[in-house]
Amino acid sequence: MTTNLLDCYIGIYLHVLADALGSIGVIVSTILIEHFGWTGFDPIASIFIAGLIFISVIPLLRHSTGVLMLIISDDMIGNIDNALQEVMSSNNLLLTYQYQR
């Protein structure tokens, strides 16, 4: 499974989770309002759900930002260096490019 597809599935999962938490929050706050008569339970449940969703989305946002900014891992740098060395050592090159890190 590719990383992009996995990111899509994680996004879908988080969206469904947010919808489910929203529904549960509405049900719980409605029951508490009916039982105690205080309408403050609704905004408290909403803030709690929003906090949970925000915390769960942070890893996906970090990874997506890294992909968009073309951040590569240290092991990929080694692979890129090796590939560039193979290309540079080839006798059939018309142009050469000095790779700067």
N, C-alpha and C. Protein backbone atom coordinates (compact mmCIF):
# COMPACT_ATOMS: atom_id res chain seq x y z
N MET A 1 0.85 -1.17 0.00
CA MET A 1 0.00 0.00 0.00
C MET A 1 0.90 1.24 0.00
N THR A 2 0.61 2.16 -0.86
CA THR A 2 1.44 3.35 -0.96
C THR A 2 1.14 4.30 0.19
N THR A 3 2.10 5.19 0.44
CA THR A 3 1.95 6.15 1.52
C THR A 3 0.78 7.09 1.27
N ASN A 4 0.60 7.51 0.01
CA ASN A 4 -0.51 8.42 -0.29
C ASN A 4 -1.86 7.77 -0.03
N LEU A 5 -1.99 6.50 -0.40
CA LEU A 5 -3.24 5.79 -0.17
C LEU A 5 -3.47 5.60 1.32
N LEU A 6 -2.41 5.30 2.05
CA LEU A 6 -2.52 5.14 3.50
C LEU A 6 -2.95 6.46 4.14
N ASP A 7 -2.40 7.58 3.69
CA ASP A 7 -2.80 8.89 4.21
C ASP A 7 -4.28 9.15 3.94
N CYS A 8 -4.75 8.75 2.77
CA CYS A 8 -6.18 8.92 2.45
C CYS A 8 -7.04 8.10 3.40
N TYR A 9 -6.64 6.85 3.66
CA TYR A 9 -7.41 6.01 4.57
C TYR A 9 -7.40 6.58 5.98
N ILE A 10 -6.27 7.11 6.41
CA ILE A 10 -6.20 7.72 7.74
C ILE A 10 -7.13 8.93 7.80
N GLY A 11 -7.13 9.74 6.75
CA GLY A 11 -8.02 10.89 6.70
C GLY A 11 -9.48 10.48 6.74
N ILE A 12 -9.83 9.43 6.00
CA ILE A 12 -11.20 8.93 6.01
C ILE A 12 -11.58 8.43 7.39
N TYR A 13 -10.68 7.68 8.01
CA TYR A 13 -10.93 7.16 9.36
C TYR A 13 -11.15 8.31 10.34
N LEU A 14 -10.30 9.34 10.27
CA LEU A 14 -10.46 10.47 11.18
C LEU A 14 -11.76 11.22 10.94
N HIS A 15 -12.20 11.31 9.69
CA HIS A 15 -13.47 11.97 9.38
C HIS A 15 -14.65 11.19 9.96
N VAL A 16 -14.62 9.87 9.79
CA VAL A 16 -15.69 9.04 10.35
C VAL A 16 -15.67 9.10 11.87
N LEU A 17 -14.47 9.09 12.45
CA LEU A 17 -14.34 9.19 13.90
C LEU A 17 -14.90 10.51 14.41
N ALA A 18 -14.64 11.60 13.71
CA ALA A 18 -15.17 12.90 14.10
C ALA A 18 -16.69 12.91 14.04
N ASP A 19 -17.25 12.32 13.01
CA ASP A 19 -18.71 12.24 12.90
C ASP A 19 -19.30 11.41 14.04
N ALA A 20 -18.66 10.29 14.35
CA ALA A 20 -19.16 9.44 15.43
C ALA A 20 -19.06 10.15 16.77
N LEU A 21 -17.93 10.80 17.02
CA LEU A 21 -17.78 11.53 18.28
C LEU A 21 -18.78 12.67 18.39
N GLY A 22 -19.06 13.33 17.28
CA GLY A 22 -20.07 14.39 17.29
C GLY A 22 -21.43 13.85 17.65
N SER A 23 -21.79 12.72 17.08
CA SER A 23 -23.10 12.11 17.39
C SER A 23 -23.17 11.68 18.85
N ILE A 24 -22.11 11.05 19.33
CA ILE A 24 -22.10 10.62 20.74
C ILE A 24 -22.16 11.83 21.66
N GLY A 25 -21.44 12.88 21.31
CA GLY A 25 -21.47 14.09 22.13
C GLY A 25 -22.85 14.71 22.21
N VAL A 26 -23.55 14.73 21.08
CA VAL A 26 -24.92 15.28 21.06
C VAL A 26 -25.84 14.43 21.93
N ILE A 27 -25.73 13.13 21.83
CA ILE A 27 -26.58 12.24 22.62
C ILE A 27 -26.31 12.41 24.11
N VAL A 28 -25.03 12.40 24.50
CA VAL A 28 -24.68 12.53 25.91
C VAL A 28 -25.09 13.89 26.46
N SER A 29 -24.81 14.95 25.71
CA SER A 29 -25.18 16.28 26.21
C SER A 29 -26.69 16.44 26.30
N THR A 30 -27.44 15.84 25.38
CA THR A 30 -28.90 15.89 25.45
C THR A 30 -29.43 15.17 26.68
N ILE A 31 -28.86 14.02 26.97
CA ILE A 31 -29.27 13.27 28.16
C ILE A 31 -28.95 14.06 29.42
N LEU A 32 -27.76 14.66 29.48
CA LEU A 32 -27.39 15.44 30.65
C LEU A 32 -28.25 16.69 30.80
N ILE A 33 -28.57 17.33 29.70
CA ILE A 33 -29.44 18.52 29.76
C ILE A 33 -30.83 18.13 30.24
N GLU A 34 -31.36 17.01 29.73
CA GLU A 34 -32.68 16.54 30.17
C GLU A 34 -32.68 16.18 31.66
N HIS A 35 -31.58 15.57 32.12
CA HIS A 35 -31.53 15.11 33.50
C HIS A 35 -31.28 16.26 34.48
N PHE A 36 -30.34 17.15 34.14
CA PHE A 36 -29.96 18.21 35.07
C PHE A 36 -30.55 19.58 34.72
N GLY A 37 -30.97 19.78 33.48
CA GLY A 37 -31.57 21.04 33.09
C GLY A 37 -30.59 22.16 32.80
N TRP A 38 -29.30 21.86 32.82
CA TRP A 38 -28.29 22.89 32.57
C TRP A 38 -27.82 22.77 31.12
N THR A 39 -27.91 23.83 30.34
CA THR A 39 -27.58 23.77 28.91
C THR A 39 -26.09 23.92 28.64
N GLY A 40 -25.31 24.06 29.65
CA GLY A 40 -23.85 24.20 29.47
C GLY A 40 -23.16 22.91 29.07
N PHE A 41 -23.86 21.79 29.17
CA PHE A 41 -23.24 20.51 28.78
C PHE A 41 -22.96 20.44 27.29
N ASP A 42 -23.79 21.09 26.50
CA ASP A 42 -23.62 21.04 25.05
C ASP A 42 -22.31 21.69 24.60
N PRO A 43 -21.99 22.93 24.99
CA PRO A 43 -20.71 23.50 24.57
C PRO A 43 -19.50 22.77 25.16
N ILE A 44 -19.65 22.24 26.37
CA ILE A 44 -18.54 21.49 26.98
C ILE A 44 -18.26 20.23 26.16
N ALA A 45 -19.30 19.51 25.76
CA ALA A 45 -19.12 18.32 24.93
C ALA A 45 -18.51 18.69 23.58
N SER A 46 -18.94 19.80 23.00
CA SER A 46 -18.41 20.23 21.70
C SER A 46 -16.92 20.56 21.79
N ILE A 47 -16.53 21.27 22.83
CA ILE A 47 -15.11 21.63 23.02
C ILE A 47 -14.28 20.37 23.25
N PHE A 48 -14.79 19.44 24.04
CA PHE A 48 -14.07 18.20 24.30
C PHE A 48 -13.87 17.40 23.01
N ILE A 49 -14.91 17.28 22.22
CA ILE A 49 -14.83 16.54 20.95
C ILE A 49 -13.86 17.23 20.00
N ALA A 50 -13.92 18.55 19.91
CA ALA A 50 -13.01 19.29 19.03
C ALA A 50 -11.56 19.09 19.46
N GLY A 51 -11.31 19.07 20.76
CA GLY A 51 -9.95 18.83 21.26
C GLY A 51 -9.44 17.44 20.91
N LEU A 52 -10.31 16.43 21.07
CA LEU A 52 -9.91 15.07 20.70
C LEU A 52 -9.60 14.95 19.21
N ILE A 53 -10.44 15.57 18.39
CA ILE A 53 -10.22 15.52 16.94
C ILE A 53 -8.92 16.22 16.58
N PHE A 54 -8.67 17.38 17.16
CA PHE A 54 -7.45 18.13 16.87
C PHE A 54 -6.21 17.33 17.25
N ILE A 55 -6.23 16.72 18.43
CA ILE A 55 -5.08 15.93 18.87
C ILE A 55 -4.85 14.74 17.95
N SER A 56 -5.92 14.10 17.48
CA SER A 56 -5.76 12.92 16.63
C SER A 56 -5.31 13.28 15.22
N VAL A 57 -5.52 14.52 14.78
CA VAL A 57 -5.18 14.92 13.43
C VAL A 57 -3.73 15.44 13.32
N ILE A 58 -3.12 15.79 14.43
CA ILE A 58 -1.77 16.37 14.40
C ILE A 58 -0.76 15.48 13.66
N PRO A 59 -0.69 14.16 13.92
CA PRO A 59 0.28 13.34 13.17
C PRO A 59 0.04 13.35 11.66
N LEU A 60 -1.22 13.31 11.24
CA LEU A 60 -1.54 13.35 9.81
C LEU A 60 -1.12 14.69 9.20
N LEU A 61 -1.35 15.77 9.93
CA LEU A 61 -0.95 17.09 9.44
C LEU A 61 0.57 17.19 9.31
N ARG A 62 1.29 16.66 10.29
CA ARG A 62 2.76 16.69 10.23
C ARG A 62 3.27 15.92 9.01
N HIS A 63 2.73 14.72 8.81
CA HIS A 63 3.18 13.91 7.68
C HIS A 63 2.82 14.56 6.35
N SER A 64 1.61 15.06 6.24
CA SER A 64 1.17 15.70 4.99
C SER A 64 2.01 16.95 4.70
N THR A 65 2.33 17.71 5.73
CA THR A 65 3.18 18.89 5.55
C THR A 65 4.56 18.47 5.06
N GLY A 66 5.09 17.40 5.63
CA GLY A 66 6.39 16.90 5.19
C GLY A 66 6.38 16.47 3.74
N VAL A 67 5.31 15.82 3.32
CA VAL A 67 5.19 15.40 1.92
C VAL A 67 5.11 16.62 1.02
N LEU A 68 4.29 17.60 1.41
CA LEU A 68 4.13 18.79 0.58
C LEU A 68 5.42 19.61 0.50
N MET A 69 6.22 19.58 1.55
CA MET A 69 7.48 20.34 1.56
C MET A 69 8.65 19.51 1.02
N LEU A 70 8.34 18.30 0.53
CA LEU A 70 9.33 17.40 -0.06
C LEU A 70 10.45 17.05 0.91
N ILE A 71 10.08 16.81 2.16
CA ILE A 71 11.06 16.40 3.16
C ILE A 71 11.34 14.91 2.96
N ILE A 72 12.63 14.57 2.92
CA ILE A 72 13.00 13.16 2.75
C ILE A 72 13.75 12.69 3.97
N SER A 73 13.66 11.41 4.24
CA SER A 73 14.31 10.84 5.41
C SER A 73 15.80 10.62 5.15
N ASP A 74 16.54 10.36 6.24
CA ASP A 74 17.99 10.18 6.12
C ASP A 74 18.36 8.96 5.28
N ASP A 75 17.58 7.88 5.37
CA ASP A 75 17.90 6.70 4.56
C ASP A 75 17.67 6.97 3.07
N MET A 76 16.70 7.82 2.76
CA MET A 76 16.48 8.18 1.35
C MET A 76 17.63 9.04 0.82
N ILE A 77 18.22 9.87 1.67
CA ILE A 77 19.37 10.68 1.24
C ILE A 77 20.51 9.77 0.84
N GLY A 78 20.73 8.70 1.61
CA GLY A 78 21.77 7.74 1.25
C GLY A 78 21.49 7.08 -0.09
N ASN A 79 20.24 6.71 -0.34
CA ASN A 79 19.88 6.11 -1.62
C ASN A 79 20.08 7.09 -2.77
N ILE A 80 19.71 8.34 -2.55
CA ILE A 80 19.88 9.36 -3.59
C ILE A 80 21.36 9.59 -3.87
N ASP A 81 22.17 9.66 -2.80
CA ASP A 81 23.62 9.83 -2.99
C ASP A 81 24.22 8.69 -3.79
N ASN A 82 23.81 7.45 -3.47
CA ASN A 82 24.32 6.29 -4.20
C ASN A 82 23.92 6.34 -5.68
N ALA A 83 22.67 6.70 -5.94
CA ALA A 83 22.20 6.78 -7.32
C ALA A 83 22.96 7.87 -8.08
N LEU A 84 23.19 9.00 -7.43
CA LEU A 84 23.93 10.08 -8.09
C LEU A 84 25.38 9.68 -8.37
N GLN A 85 25.99 8.94 -7.45
CA GLN A 85 27.36 8.48 -7.67
C GLN A 85 27.43 7.52 -8.85
N GLU A 86 26.43 6.66 -8.98
CA GLU A 86 26.39 5.75 -10.13
C GLU A 86 26.25 6.52 -11.43
N VAL A 87 25.40 7.53 -11.42
CA VAL A 87 25.20 8.32 -12.63
C VAL A 87 26.48 9.09 -12.96
N MET A 88 27.10 9.68 -11.95
CA MET A 88 28.30 10.49 -12.17
C MET A 88 29.48 9.62 -12.64
N SER A 89 29.52 8.36 -12.22
CA SER A 89 30.63 7.50 -12.63
C SER A 89 30.41 6.87 -14.00
N SER A 90 29.26 7.07 -14.59
CA SER A 90 28.97 6.52 -15.91
C SER A 90 29.82 7.23 -16.97
N ASN A 91 30.31 6.48 -17.94
CA ASN A 91 31.14 7.04 -19.01
C ASN A 91 30.31 7.65 -20.13
N ASN A 92 29.01 7.44 -20.12
CA ASN A 92 28.16 7.88 -21.21
C ASN A 92 27.44 9.20 -20.92
N LEU A 93 27.91 9.97 -19.95
CA LEU A 93 27.25 11.22 -19.61
C LEU A 93 27.63 12.32 -20.58
N LEU A 94 26.64 13.05 -21.02
CA LEU A 94 26.89 14.22 -21.85
C LEU A 94 27.09 15.46 -20.99
N LEU A 95 26.31 15.56 -19.92
CA LEU A 95 26.39 16.69 -19.01
C LEU A 95 26.64 16.17 -17.61
N THR A 96 27.34 16.93 -16.80
CA THR A 96 27.53 16.56 -15.41
C THR A 96 26.97 17.65 -14.54
N TYR A 97 26.52 17.26 -13.37
CA TYR A 97 25.93 18.19 -12.44
C TYR A 97 26.54 17.92 -11.08
N GLN A 98 27.02 18.95 -10.42
CA GLN A 98 27.59 18.80 -9.09
C GLN A 98 26.48 18.86 -8.05
N TYR A 99 26.29 17.77 -7.34
CA TYR A 99 25.23 17.68 -6.33
C TYR A 99 25.71 18.33 -5.05
N GLN A 100 24.98 19.31 -4.56
CA GLN A 100 25.32 20.01 -3.32
C GLN A 100 24.31 19.62 -2.25
N ARG A 101 24.78 19.22 -1.10
CA ARG A 101 23.89 18.90 0.03
C ARG A 101 23.87 20.00 1.01
